[in-house]
Amino acid sequence: MKTIKTYLKLFIGIAVLVLFAVVFLSSNRATDLENSKMNHWQEAPLERRSAAVKILTGTEEGADLMVQCLDKIAILPDAKTMEVRDAAALCFIGIQLKEKI
């Protein structure tokens, strides 16, 4: 009986530690959209997307076009693991090239 109580206490202690680790890691996730992956882009509201584009580009000029471009990249099948920062760089360069033509 004494060994059962010891094992039960050990099991409860380990379960509490695991639960604490899960809660800590989930609360420590990156919450800023500009440093996350493209799968978080689709889940974010439009205001947050626009704010992220303004932070990434440093300007409000063409923010709507950038958001539309990033939305199109986000629906591509292999884009889920792509960084938002990298996709924004591609869109920004593409918009600049389009303006020069």
PDB file of N, CA and C in Angstrom:
ATOM      1  N   MET A   1       0.820  -1.202   0.000  1.00  0.00           N
ATOM      2  CA  MET A   1       0.000   0.000   0.000  1.00  0.00           C
ATOM      3  C   MET A   1       0.856   1.255   0.000  1.00  0.00           C
ATOM      4  N   LYS A   2       1.973   1.184   0.726  1.00  0.00           N
ATOM      5  CA  LYS A   2       2.862   2.342   0.808  1.00  0.00           C
ATOM      6  C   LYS A   2       3.514   2.635  -0.545  1.00  0.00           C
ATOM      7  N   THR A   3       3.859   1.587  -1.274  1.00  0.00           N
ATOM      8  CA  THR A   3       4.472   1.784  -2.581  1.00  0.00           C
ATOM      9  C   THR A   3       3.475   2.349  -3.587  1.00  0.00           C
ATOM     10  N   ILE A   4       2.222   1.975  -3.465  1.00  0.00           N
ATOM     11  CA  ILE A   4       1.182   2.501  -4.363  1.00  0.00           C
ATOM     12  C   ILE A   4       1.021   3.997  -4.139  1.00  0.00           C
ATOM     13  N   LYS A   5       1.032   4.414  -2.883  1.00  0.00           N
ATOM     14  CA  LYS A   5       0.927   5.846  -2.580  1.00  0.00           C
ATOM     15  C   LYS A   5       2.136   6.603  -3.112  1.00  0.00           C
ATOM     16  N   THR A   6       3.302   6.011  -3.000  1.00  0.00           N
ATOM     17  CA  THR A   6       4.525   6.653  -3.500  1.00  0.00           C
ATOM     18  C   THR A   6       4.461   6.817  -5.014  1.00  0.00           C
ATOM     19  N   TYR A   7       4.058   5.758  -5.709  1.00  0.00           N
ATOM     20  CA  TYR A   7       3.937   5.834  -7.163  1.00  0.00           C
ATOM     21  C   TYR A   7       2.846   6.821  -7.591  1.00  0.00           C
ATOM     22  N   LEU A   8       1.768   6.871  -6.850  1.00  0.00           N
ATOM     23  CA  LEU A   8       0.696   7.815  -7.146  1.00  0.00           C
ATOM     24  C   LEU A   8       1.174   9.255  -6.978  1.00  0.00           C
ATOM     25  N   LYS A   9       1.910   9.530  -5.914  1.00  0.00           N
ATOM     26  CA  LYS A   9       2.468  10.872  -5.695  1.00  0.00           C
ATOM     27  C   LYS A   9       3.458  11.234  -6.799  1.00  0.00           C
ATOM     28  N   LEU A  10       4.274  10.273  -7.172  1.00  0.00           N
ATOM     29  CA  LEU A  10       5.234  10.505  -8.250  1.00  0.00           C
ATOM     30  C   LEU A  10       4.520  10.786  -9.567  1.00  0.00           C
ATOM     31  N   PHE A  11       3.493  10.015  -9.872  1.00  0.00           N
ATOM     32  CA  PHE A  11       2.717  10.221 -11.096  1.00  0.00           C
ATOM     33  C   PHE A  11       2.043  11.586 -11.102  1.00  0.00           C
ATOM     34  N   ILE A  12       1.440  11.980 -10.005  1.00  0.00           N
ATOM     35  CA  ILE A  12       0.785  13.295  -9.916  1.00  0.00           C
ATOM     36  C   ILE A  12       1.808  14.413 -10.044  1.00  0.00           C
ATOM     37  N   GLY A  13       2.963  14.263  -9.445  1.00  0.00           N
ATOM     38  CA  GLY A  13       4.018  15.268  -9.555  1.00  0.00           C
ATOM     39  C   GLY A  13       4.502  15.439 -10.983  1.00  0.00           C
ATOM     40  N   ILE A  14       4.702  14.339 -11.679  1.00  0.00           N
ATOM     41  CA  ILE A  14       5.138  14.403 -13.075  1.00  0.00           C
ATOM     42  C   ILE A  14       4.047  15.017 -13.940  1.00  0.00           C
ATOM     43  N   ALA A  15       2.791  14.665 -13.686  1.00  0.00           N
ATOM     44  CA  ALA A  15       1.677  15.225 -14.458  1.00  0.00           C
ATOM     45  C   ALA A  15       1.590  16.735 -14.263  1.00  0.00           C
ATOM     46  N   VAL A  16       1.802  17.208 -13.047  1.00  0.00           N
ATOM     47  CA  VAL A  16       1.769  18.650 -12.781  1.00  0.00           C
ATOM     48  C   VAL A  16       2.919  19.343 -13.500  1.00  0.00           C
ATOM     49  N   LEU A  17       4.103  18.759 -13.496  1.00  0.00           N
ATOM     50  CA  LEU A  17       5.240  19.350 -14.204  1.00  0.00           C
ATOM     51  C   LEU A  17       4.996  19.411 -15.711  1.00  0.00           C
ATOM     52  N   VAL A  18       4.451  18.351 -16.264  1.00  0.00           N
ATOM     53  CA  VAL A  18       4.152  18.330 -17.701  1.00  0.00           C
ATOM     54  C   VAL A  18       3.091  19.364 -18.037  1.00  0.00           C
ATOM     55  N   LEU A  19       2.065  19.463 -17.225  1.00  0.00           N
ATOM     56  CA  LEU A  19       1.016  20.459 -17.440  1.00  0.00           C
ATOM     57  C   LEU A  19       1.581  21.877 -17.366  1.00  0.00           C
ATOM     58  N   PHE A  20       2.430  22.128 -16.401  1.00  0.00           N
ATOM     59  CA  PHE A  20       3.066  23.439 -16.277  1.00  0.00           C
ATOM     60  C   PHE A  20       3.916  23.753 -17.507  1.00  0.00           C
ATOM     61  N   ALA A  21       4.670  22.773 -18.001  1.00  0.00           N
ATOM     62  CA  ALA A  21       5.506  22.979 -19.182  1.00  0.00           C
ATOM     63  C   ALA A  21       4.650  23.283 -20.410  1.00  0.00           C
ATOM     64  N   VAL A  22       3.544  22.587 -20.584  1.00  0.00           N
ATOM     65  CA  VAL A  22       2.664  22.815 -21.740  1.00  0.00           C
ATOM     66  C   VAL A  22       2.060  24.215 -21.680  1.00  0.00           C
ATOM     67  N   VAL A  23       1.595  24.610 -20.510  1.00  0.00           N
ATOM     68  CA  VAL A  23       1.007  25.949 -20.361  1.00  0.00           C
ATOM     69  C   VAL A  23       2.054  27.019 -20.601  1.00  0.00           C
ATOM     70  N   PHE A  24       3.248  26.832 -20.083  1.00  0.00           N
ATOM     71  CA  PHE A  24       4.316  27.815 -20.261  1.00  0.00           C
ATOM     72  C   PHE A  24       4.719  27.944 -21.723  1.00  0.00           C
ATOM     73  N   LEU A  25       4.884  26.829 -22.402  1.00  0.00           N
ATOM     74  CA  LEU A  25       5.305  26.877 -23.799  1.00  0.00           C
ATOM     75  C   LEU A  25       4.218  27.445 -24.706  1.00  0.00           C
ATOM     76  N   SER A  26       2.971  27.141 -24.416  1.00  0.00           N
ATOM     77  CA  SER A  26       1.904  27.677 -25.260  1.00  0.00           C
ATOM     78  C   SER A  26       1.710  29.170 -25.033  1.00  0.00           C
ATOM     79  N   SER A  27       1.979  29.657 -23.846  1.00  0.00           N
ATOM     80  CA  SER A  27       1.850  31.095 -23.607  1.00  0.00           C
ATOM     81  C   SER A  27       3.057  31.860 -24.115  1.00  0.00           C
ATOM     82  N   ASN A  28       4.141  31.169 -24.377  1.00  0.00           N
ATOM     83  CA  ASN A  28       5.368  31.813 -24.828  1.00  0.00           C
ATOM     84  C   ASN A  28       5.505  31.843 -26.346  1.00  0.00           C
ATOM     85  N   ARG A  29       4.474  31.397 -27.062  1.00  0.00           N
ATOM     86  CA  ARG A  29       4.531  31.394 -28.529  1.00  0.00           C
ATOM     87  C   ARG A  29       4.681  32.797 -29.067  1.00  0.00           C
ATOM     88  N   ALA A  30       5.263  32.890 -30.240  1.00  0.00           N
ATOM     89  CA  ALA A  30       5.402  34.191 -30.889  1.00  0.00           C
ATOM     90  C   ALA A  30       4.028  34.731 -31.248  1.00  0.00           C
ATOM     91  N   THR A  31       3.702  35.893 -30.735  1.00  0.00           N
ATOM     92  CA  THR A  31       2.388  36.450 -30.997  1.00  0.00           C
ATOM     93  C   THR A  31       2.429  37.519 -32.078  1.00  0.00           C
ATOM     94  N   ASP A  32       3.613  37.974 -32.436  1.00  0.00           N
ATOM     95  CA  ASP A  32       3.680  38.977 -33.479  1.00  0.00           C
ATOM     96  C   ASP A  32       3.614  38.302 -34.841  1.00  0.00           C
ATOM     97  N   LEU A  33       2.815  38.856 -35.680  1.00  0.00           N
ATOM     98  CA  LEU A  33       2.515  38.240 -36.967  1.00  0.00           C
ATOM     99  C   LEU A  33       3.692  38.327 -37.930  1.00  0.00           C
ATOM    100  N   GLU A  34       4.488  39.378 -37.808  1.00  0.00           N
ATOM    101  CA  GLU A  34       5.571  39.553 -38.776  1.00  0.00           C
ATOM    102  C   GLU A  34       6.708  38.545 -38.599  1.00  0.00           C
ATOM    103  N   ASN A  35       6.787  37.866 -37.479  1.00  0.00           N
ATOM    104  CA  ASN A  35       7.825  36.857 -37.265  1.00  0.00           C
ATOM    105  C   ASN A  35       7.282  35.438 -37.260  1.00  0.00           C
ATOM    106  N   SER A  36       6.056  35.250 -37.688  1.00  0.00           N
ATOM    107  CA  SER A  36       5.457  33.915 -37.646  1.00  0.00           C
ATOM    108  C   SER A  36       5.405  33.296 -39.043  1.00  0.00           C
ATOM    109  N   LYS A  37       4.786  32.157 -39.114  1.00  0.00           N
ATOM    110  CA  LYS A  37       4.646  31.434 -40.380  1.00  0.00           C
ATOM    111  C   LYS A  37       3.371  31.871 -41.098  1.00  0.00           C
ATOM    112  N   MET A  38       3.269  31.510 -42.370  1.00  0.00           N
ATOM    113  CA  MET A  38       2.137  31.935 -43.186  1.00  0.00           C
ATOM    114  C   MET A  38       0.815  31.293 -42.746  1.00  0.00           C
ATOM    115  N   ASN A  39       0.859  30.169 -42.045  1.00  0.00           N
ATOM    116  CA  ASN A  39      -0.406  29.582 -41.600  1.00  0.00           C
ATOM    117  C   ASN A  39      -1.066  30.459 -40.533  1.00  0.00           C
ATOM    118  N   HIS A  40      -0.285  31.268 -39.809  1.00  0.00           N
ATOM    119  CA  HIS A  40      -0.857  32.215 -38.854  1.00  0.00           C
ATOM    120  C   HIS A  40      -1.430  33.439 -39.573  1.00  0.00           C
ATOM    121  N   TRP A  41      -0.942  33.708 -40.766  1.00  0.00           N
ATOM    122  CA  TRP A  41      -1.408  34.860 -41.534  1.00  0.00           C
ATOM    123  C   TRP A  41      -2.887  34.724 -41.872  1.00  0.00           C
ATOM    124  N   GLN A  42      -3.299  33.547 -42.286  1.00  0.00           N
ATOM    125  CA  GLN A  42      -4.690  33.330 -42.671  1.00  0.00           C
ATOM    126  C   GLN A  42      -5.640  33.461 -41.489  1.00  0.00           C
ATOM    127  N   GLU A  43      -5.183  33.126 -40.306  1.00  0.00           N
ATOM    128  CA  GLU A  43      -6.032  33.170 -39.117  1.00  0.00           C
ATOM    129  C   GLU A  43      -6.177  34.582 -38.550  1.00  0.00           C
ATOM    130  N   ALA A  44      -5.263  35.465 -38.896  1.00  0.00           N
ATOM    131  CA  ALA A  44      -5.247  36.802 -38.302  1.00  0.00           C
ATOM    132  C   ALA A  44      -6.321  37.698 -38.925  1.00  0.00           C
ATOM    133  N   PRO A  45      -6.883  38.619 -38.137  1.00  0.00           N
ATOM    134  CA  PRO A  45      -7.858  39.571 -38.696  1.00  0.00           C
ATOM    135  C   PRO A  45      -7.182  40.593 -39.610  1.00  0.00           C
ATOM    136  N   LEU A  46      -7.989  41.259 -40.422  1.00  0.00           N
ATOM    137  CA  LEU A  46      -7.472  42.188 -41.425  1.00  0.00           C
ATOM    138  C   LEU A  46      -6.679  43.333 -40.797  1.00  0.00           C
ATOM    139  N   GLU A  47      -7.114  43.844 -39.660  1.00  0.00           N
ATOM    140  CA  GLU A  47      -6.411  44.953 -39.016  1.00  0.00           C
ATOM    141  C   GLU A  47      -5.007  44.534 -38.592  1.00  0.00           C
ATOM    142  N   ARG A  48      -4.904  43.326 -38.092  1.00  0.00           N
ATOM    143  CA  ARG A  48      -3.593  42.832 -37.662  1.00  0.00           C
ATOM    144  C   ARG A  48      -2.684  42.594 -38.868  1.00  0.00           C
ATOM    145  N   ARG A  49      -3.245  42.118 -39.962  1.00  0.00           N
ATOM    146  CA  ARG A  49      -2.458  41.924 -41.189  1.00  0.00           C
ATOM    147  C   ARG A  49      -1.941  43.254 -41.717  1.00  0.00           C
ATOM    148  N   SER A  50      -2.815  44.251 -41.736  1.00  0.00           N
ATOM    149  CA  SER A  50      -2.409  45.571 -42.228  1.00  0.00           C
ATOM    150  C   SER A  50      -1.316  46.165 -41.349  1.00  0.00           C
ATOM    151  N   ALA A  51      -1.440  45.996 -40.047  1.00  0.00           N
ATOM    152  CA  ALA A  51      -0.417  46.508 -39.136  1.00  0.00           C
ATOM    153  C   ALA A  51       0.914  45.796 -39.353  1.00  0.00           C
ATOM    154  N   ALA A  52       0.872  44.497 -39.589  1.00  0.00           N
ATOM    155  CA  ALA A  52       2.099  43.746 -39.834  1.00  0.00           C
ATOM    156  C   ALA A  52       2.765  44.197 -41.127  1.00  0.00           C
ATOM    157  N   VAL A  53       1.969  44.470 -42.157  1.00  0.00           N
ATOM    158  CA  VAL A  53       2.526  44.940 -43.429  1.00  0.00           C
ATOM    159  C   VAL A  53       3.174  46.307 -43.250  1.00  0.00           C
ATOM    160  N   LYS A  54       2.538  47.177 -42.498  1.00  0.00           N
ATOM    161  CA  LYS A  54       3.107  48.507 -42.254  1.00  0.00           C
ATOM    162  C   LYS A  54       4.411  48.413 -41.478  1.00  0.00           C
ATOM    163  N   ILE A  55       4.502  47.468 -40.562  1.00  0.00           N
ATOM    164  CA  ILE A  55       5.748  47.276 -39.811  1.00  0.00           C
ATOM    165  C   ILE A  55       6.830  46.711 -40.715  1.00  0.00           C
ATOM    166  N   LEU A  56       6.474  45.741 -41.549  1.00  0.00           N
ATOM    167  CA  LEU A  56       7.465  45.099 -42.406  1.00  0.00           C
ATOM    168  C   LEU A  56       7.984  46.018 -43.500  1.00  0.00           C
ATOM    169  N   THR A  57       7.115  46.836 -44.066  1.00  0.00           N
ATOM    170  CA  THR A  57       7.540  47.699 -45.163  1.00  0.00           C
ATOM    171  C   THR A  57       8.021  49.058 -44.688  1.00  0.00           C
ATOM    172  N   GLY A  58       7.558  49.486 -43.529  1.00  0.00           N
ATOM    173  CA  GLY A  58       7.961  50.783 -43.010  1.00  0.00           C
ATOM    174  C   GLY A  58       7.192  51.937 -43.628  1.00  0.00           C
ATOM    175  N   THR A  59       6.172  51.636 -44.397  1.00  0.00           N
ATOM    176  CA  THR A  59       5.382  52.676 -45.037  1.00  0.00           C
ATOM    177  C   THR A  59       3.933  52.218 -45.156  1.00  0.00           C
ATOM    178  N   GLU A  60       3.041  53.171 -45.294  1.00  0.00           N
ATOM    179  CA  GLU A  60       1.632  52.829 -45.491  1.00  0.00           C
ATOM    180  C   GLU A  60       1.275  52.761 -46.970  1.00  0.00           C
ATOM    181  N   GLU A  61       2.196  53.150 -47.807  1.00  0.00           N
ATOM    182  CA  GLU A  61       1.954  53.167 -49.252  1.00  0.00           C
ATOM    183  C   GLU A  61       1.866  51.743 -49.789  1.00  0.00           C
ATOM    184  N   GLY A  62       0.775  51.420 -50.430  1.00  0.00           N
ATOM    185  CA  GLY A  62       0.589  50.107 -51.034  1.00  0.00           C
ATOM    186  C   GLY A  62       0.313  48.996 -50.031  1.00  0.00           C
ATOM    187  N   ALA A  63      -0.149  49.360 -48.841  1.00  0.00           N
ATOM    188  CA  ALA A  63      -0.396  48.338 -47.814  1.00  0.00           C
ATOM    189  C   ALA A  63      -1.514  47.385 -48.233  1.00  0.00           C
ATOM    190  N   ASP A  64      -2.544  47.918 -48.877  1.00  0.00           N
ATOM    191  CA  ASP A  64      -3.656  47.054 -49.311  1.00  0.00           C
ATOM    192  C   ASP A  64      -3.198  46.040 -50.356  1.00  0.00           C
ATOM    193  N   LEU A  65      -2.352  46.493 -51.269  1.00  0.00           N
ATOM    194  CA  LEU A  65      -1.827  45.605 -52.297  1.00  0.00           C
ATOM    195  C   LEU A  65      -0.918  44.533 -51.688  1.00  0.00           C
ATOM    196  N   MET A  66      -0.154  44.920 -50.690  1.00  0.00           N
ATOM    197  CA  MET A  66       0.720  43.957 -50.006  1.00  0.00           C
ATOM    198  C   MET A  66      -0.109  42.907 -49.272  1.00  0.00           C
ATOM    199  N   VAL A  67      -1.168  43.342 -48.616  1.00  0.00           N
ATOM    200  CA  VAL A  67      -2.029  42.398 -47.901  1.00  0.00           C
ATOM    201  C   VAL A  67      -2.661  41.413 -48.882  1.00  0.00           C
ATOM    202  N   GLN A  68      -3.108  41.918 -50.022  1.00  0.00           N
ATOM    203  CA  GLN A  68      -3.699  41.036 -51.033  1.00  0.00           C
ATOM    204  C   GLN A  68      -2.676  40.042 -51.561  1.00  0.00           C
ATOM    205  N   CYS A  69      -1.456  40.510 -51.777  1.00  0.00           N
ATOM    206  CA  CYS A  69      -0.393  39.635 -52.271  1.00  0.00           C
ATOM    207  C   CYS A  69      -0.067  38.547 -51.244  1.00  0.00           C
ATOM    208  N   LEU A  70       0.048  38.933 -49.988  1.00  0.00           N
ATOM    209  CA  LEU A  70       0.334  37.958 -48.943  1.00  0.00           C
ATOM    210  C   LEU A  70      -0.822  36.981 -48.747  1.00  0.00           C
ATOM    211  N   ASP A  71      -2.049  37.450 -48.951  1.00  0.00           N
ATOM    212  CA  ASP A  71      -3.204  36.553 -48.881  1.00  0.00           C
ATOM    213  C   ASP A  71      -3.124  35.494 -49.975  1.00  0.00           C
ATOM    214  N   LYS A  72      -2.698  35.899 -51.163  1.00  0.00           N
ATOM    215  CA  LYS A  72      -2.576  34.938 -52.264  1.00  0.00           C
ATOM    216  C   LYS A  72      -1.455  33.941 -52.006  1.00  0.00           C
ATOM    217  N   ILE A  73      -0.355  34.410 -51.433  1.00  0.00           N
ATOM    218  CA  ILE A  73       0.737  33.492 -51.111  1.00  0.00           C
ATOM    219  C   ILE A  73       0.296  32.515 -50.024  1.00  0.00           C
ATOM    220  N   ALA A  74      -0.492  32.988 -49.071  1.00  0.00           N
ATOM    221  CA  ALA A  74      -0.910  32.143 -47.946  1.00  0.00           C
ATOM    222  C   ALA A  74      -1.782  30.966 -48.381  1.00  0.00           C
ATOM    223  N   ILE A  75      -2.485  31.094 -49.496  1.00  0.00           N
ATOM    224  CA  ILE A  75      -3.350  29.990 -49.923  1.00  0.00           C
ATOM    225  C   ILE A  75      -2.619  28.972 -50.792  1.00  0.00           C
ATOM    226  N   LEU A  76      -1.366  29.222 -51.123  1.00  0.00           N
ATOM    227  CA  LEU A  76      -0.594  28.240 -51.880  1.00  0.00           C
ATOM    228  C   LEU A  76      -0.348  27.005 -51.021  1.00  0.00           C
ATOM    229  N   PRO A  77      -0.305  25.829 -51.619  1.00  0.00           N
ATOM    230  CA  PRO A  77      -0.200  24.603 -50.820  1.00  0.00           C
ATOM    231  C   PRO A  77       1.097  24.476 -50.018  1.00  0.00           C
ATOM    232  N   ASP A  78       2.209  24.936 -50.544  1.00  0.00           N
ATOM    233  CA  ASP A  78       3.490  24.769 -49.856  1.00  0.00           C
ATOM    234  C   ASP A  78       3.898  25.982 -49.034  1.00  0.00           C
ATOM    235  N   ALA A  79       3.020  26.949 -48.897  1.00  0.00           N
ATOM    236  CA  ALA A  79       3.387  28.199 -48.227  1.00  0.00           C
ATOM    237  C   ALA A  79       3.152  28.181 -46.724  1.00  0.00           C
ATOM    238  N   LYS A  80       2.640  27.109 -46.173  1.00  0.00           N
ATOM    239  CA  LYS A  80       2.319  27.072 -44.739  1.00  0.00           C
ATOM    240  C   LYS A  80       3.554  27.232 -43.871  1.00  0.00           C
ATOM    241  N   THR A  81       4.696  26.733 -44.321  1.00  0.00           N
ATOM    242  CA  THR A  81       5.913  26.810 -43.520  1.00  0.00           C
ATOM    243  C   THR A  81       6.765  28.029 -43.855  1.00  0.00           C
ATOM    244  N   MET A  82       6.349  28.814 -44.814  1.00  0.00           N
ATOM    245  CA  MET A  82       7.100  30.003 -45.208  1.00  0.00           C
ATOM    246  C   MET A  82       6.920  31.105 -44.171  1.00  0.00           C
ATOM    247  N   GLU A  83       7.971  31.845 -43.924  1.00  0.00           N
ATOM    248  CA  GLU A  83       7.912  32.962 -42.990  1.00  0.00           C
ATOM    249  C   GLU A  83       7.143  34.123 -43.621  1.00  0.00           C
ATOM    250  N   VAL A  84       6.391  34.834 -42.821  1.00  0.00           N
ATOM    251  CA  VAL A  84       5.653  36.002 -43.304  1.00  0.00           C
ATOM    252  C   VAL A  84       6.636  37.061 -43.803  1.00  0.00           C
ATOM    253  N   ARG A  85       7.745  37.190 -43.113  1.00  0.00           N
ATOM    254  CA  ARG A  85       8.771  38.166 -43.486  1.00  0.00           C
ATOM    255  C   ARG A  85       9.311  37.895 -44.900  1.00  0.00           C
ATOM    256  N   ASP A  86       9.542  36.624 -45.223  1.00  0.00           N
ATOM    257  CA  ASP A  86      10.055  36.265 -46.548  1.00  0.00           C
ATOM    258  C   ASP A  86       9.007  36.512 -47.629  1.00  0.00           C
ATOM    259  N   ALA A  87       7.771  36.155 -47.346  1.00  0.00           N
ATOM    260  CA  ALA A  87       6.700  36.376 -48.317  1.00  0.00           C
ATOM    261  C   ALA A  87       6.481  37.872 -48.543  1.00  0.00           C
ATOM    262  N   ALA A  88       6.590  38.663 -47.489  1.00  0.00           N
ATOM    263  CA  ALA A  88       6.435  40.111 -47.628  1.00  0.00           C
ATOM    264  C   ALA A  88       7.562  40.697 -48.470  1.00  0.00           C
ATOM    265  N   ALA A  89       8.764  40.164 -48.328  1.00  0.00           N
ATOM    266  CA  ALA A  89       9.881  40.638 -49.144  1.00  0.00           C
ATOM    267  C   ALA A  89       9.635  40.337 -50.624  1.00  0.00           C
ATOM    268  N   LEU A  90       9.110  39.145 -50.910  1.00  0.00           N
ATOM    269  CA  LEU A  90       8.786  38.804 -52.297  1.00  0.00           C
ATOM    270  C   LEU A  90       7.725  39.738 -52.870  1.00  0.00           C
ATOM    271  N   CYS A  91       6.683  39.986 -52.097  1.00  0.00           N
ATOM    272  CA  CYS A  91       5.614  40.875 -52.556  1.00  0.00           C
ATOM    273  C   CYS A  91       6.124  42.300 -52.746  1.00  0.00           C
ATOM    274  N   PHE A  92       6.927  42.764 -51.814  1.00  0.00           N
ATOM    275  CA  PHE A  92       7.435  44.134 -51.873  1.00  0.00           C
ATOM    276  C   PHE A  92       8.310  44.339 -53.113  1.00  0.00           C
ATOM    277  N   ILE A  93       9.167  43.385 -53.389  1.00  0.00           N
ATOM    278  CA  ILE A  93      10.026  43.473 -54.580  1.00  0.00           C
ATOM    279  C   ILE A  93       9.183  43.397 -55.845  1.00  0.00           C
ATOM    280  N   GLY A  94       8.187  42.523 -55.859  1.00  0.00           N
ATOM    281  CA  GLY A  94       7.306  42.419 -57.020  1.00  0.00           C
ATOM    282  C   GLY A  94       6.532  43.701 -57.273  1.00  0.00           C
ATOM    283  N   ILE A  95       6.054  44.343 -56.224  1.00  0.00           N
ATOM    284  CA  ILE A  95       5.324  45.606 -56.380  1.00  0.00           C
ATOM    285  C   ILE A  95       6.242  46.703 -56.884  1.00  0.00           C
ATOM    286  N   GLN A  96       7.470  46.741 -56.366  1.00  0.00           N
ATOM    287  CA  GLN A  96       8.428  47.739 -56.835  1.00  0.00           C
ATOM    288  C   GLN A  96       8.763  47.537 -58.309  1.00  0.00           C
ATOM    289  N   LEU A  97       8.936  46.284 -58.727  1.00  0.00           N
ATOM    290  CA  LEU A  97       9.223  46.002 -60.133  1.00  0.00           C
ATOM    291  C   LEU A  97       8.042  46.386 -61.025  1.00  0.00           C
ATOM    292  N   LYS A  98       6.845  46.117 -60.544  1.00  0.00           N
ATOM    293  CA  LYS A  98       5.648  46.450 -61.321  1.00  0.00           C
ATOM    294  C   LYS A  98       5.515  47.951 -61.499  1.00  0.00           C
ATOM    295  N   GLU A  99       5.878  48.726 -60.471  1.00  0.00           N
ATOM    296  CA  GLU A  99       5.789  50.179 -60.562  1.00  0.00           C
ATOM    297  C   GLU A  99       6.813  50.751 -61.529  1.00  0.00           C
ATOM    298  N   LYS A 100       7.953  50.114 -61.705  1.00  0.00           N
ATOM    299  CA  LYS A 100       8.996  50.605 -62.594  1.00  0.00           C
ATOM    300  C   LYS A 100       8.677  50.329 -64.052  1.00  0.00           C
ATOM    301  N   ILE A 101       7.840  49.337 -64.293  1.00  0.00           N
ATOM    302  CA  ILE A 101       7.526  48.984 -65.683  1.00  0.00           C
ATOM    303  C   ILE A 101       6.500  49.910 -66.244  1.00  0.00           C
TER     304      ILE A 101
END
